[in-house]
Protein backbone atom coordinates (compact mmCIF):
# COMPACT_ATOMS: atom_id res chain seq x y z
CA MET A 1 0.00 0.00 0.00
CA LYS A 2 1.40 3.37 -1.03
CA ASN A 3 1.69 6.19 1.46
CA LEU A 4 -0.65 8.98 0.33
CA LYS A 5 1.68 11.70 1.63
CA LEU A 6 4.54 10.26 -0.43
CA LEU A 7 2.28 10.21 -3.47
CA GLU A 8 1.27 13.81 -2.83
CA LEU A 9 4.90 14.91 -2.48
CA GLY A 10 5.93 12.94 -5.55
CA ASN A 11 3.16 14.55 -7.56
CA LYS A 12 4.22 18.00 -6.34
CA ILE A 13 7.80 17.35 -7.43
CA ARG A 14 6.62 16.05 -10.81
CA LEU A 15 4.45 19.15 -11.34
CA GLU A 16 7.32 21.46 -10.37
CA ARG A 17 9.59 19.59 -12.81
CA LEU A 18 7.07 19.84 -15.63
CA LYS A 19 6.37 23.50 -14.87
CA ARG A 20 10.07 24.13 -15.43
CA ASP A 21 10.07 21.97 -18.58
CA LEU A 22 12.65 19.58 -17.17
CA SER A 23 13.00 15.89 -17.89
CA GLN A 24 13.59 13.47 -15.04
CA GLU A 25 17.15 13.15 -16.31
CA GLN A 26 17.70 16.92 -16.19
CA LEU A 27 16.29 17.19 -12.67
CA ALA A 28 18.36 14.22 -11.52
CA GLU A 29 21.50 15.84 -12.88
CA ALA A 30 20.69 19.24 -11.34
CA ALA A 31 19.89 17.64 -7.97
CA ASN A 32 22.84 15.23 -8.13
CA VAL A 33 20.64 12.15 -7.65
CA SER A 34 19.89 9.21 -9.91
CA ILE A 35 17.10 9.20 -12.46
CA ARG A 36 15.68 6.17 -10.67
CA THR A 37 15.52 8.18 -7.44
CA ILE A 38 13.51 10.92 -9.18
CA SER A 39 11.24 8.34 -10.79
CA ASP A 40 10.65 6.47 -7.51
CA ILE A 41 9.97 9.71 -5.63
CA GLU A 42 7.53 10.97 -8.26
CA ARG A 43 5.65 7.66 -8.16
CA GLY A 44 5.57 7.70 -4.37
CA ILE A 45 7.21 4.31 -4.06
CA THR A 46 10.19 5.36 -1.96
CA ASP A 47 10.55 7.35 1.21
CA ILE A 48 12.48 10.47 0.29
CA ARG A 49 15.70 11.12 2.19
CA TYR A 50 16.19 14.59 3.65
CA THR A 51 19.35 15.14 1.62
CA ASN A 52 17.55 14.24 -1.61
CA LEU A 53 14.66 16.53 -0.71
CA LEU A 54 17.11 19.36 -0.06
CA GLN A 55 18.95 18.77 -3.34
CA ILE A 56 15.69 18.66 -5.34
CA ALA A 57 14.40 21.83 -3.68
CA GLU A 58 17.68 23.60 -4.44
CA ALA A 59 17.57 22.40 -8.06
CA PHE A 60 14.16 24.10 -8.33
CA GLY A 61 15.45 27.21 -6.57
CA LEU A 62 13.06 26.59 -3.69
CA THR A 63 13.42 26.04 0.02
CA ILE A 64 12.31 22.72 1.47
CA SER A 65 9.46 24.48 3.27
CA LYS A 66 8.22 25.92 -0.03
CA LEU A 67 8.47 22.52 -1.70
CA LEU A 68 6.48 20.99 1.17
CA ASP A 69 3.89 23.78 1.09
CA PHE A 70 1.05 22.11 -0.78
CA LYS A 71 -0.80 25.41 -1.05
CA TYR A 72 2.02 26.72 -3.26
CA SER A 73 1.80 25.76 -6.92
């Protein structure tokens, strides 16, 4: 059973990536994580590590709190 919060966060990251017209590969490179990590996070099938969350937020030019703010879009 998938964790709904992980799915919600994964969807938020996917939407941010698409809004910036980035591929998973481009985001992975910018965040210094693997493409598989990005894919797993976006699908909500892996618990995201703090360091990965920080790197993804920084790749978007956001703070972690802004990335976790589900009212922000």
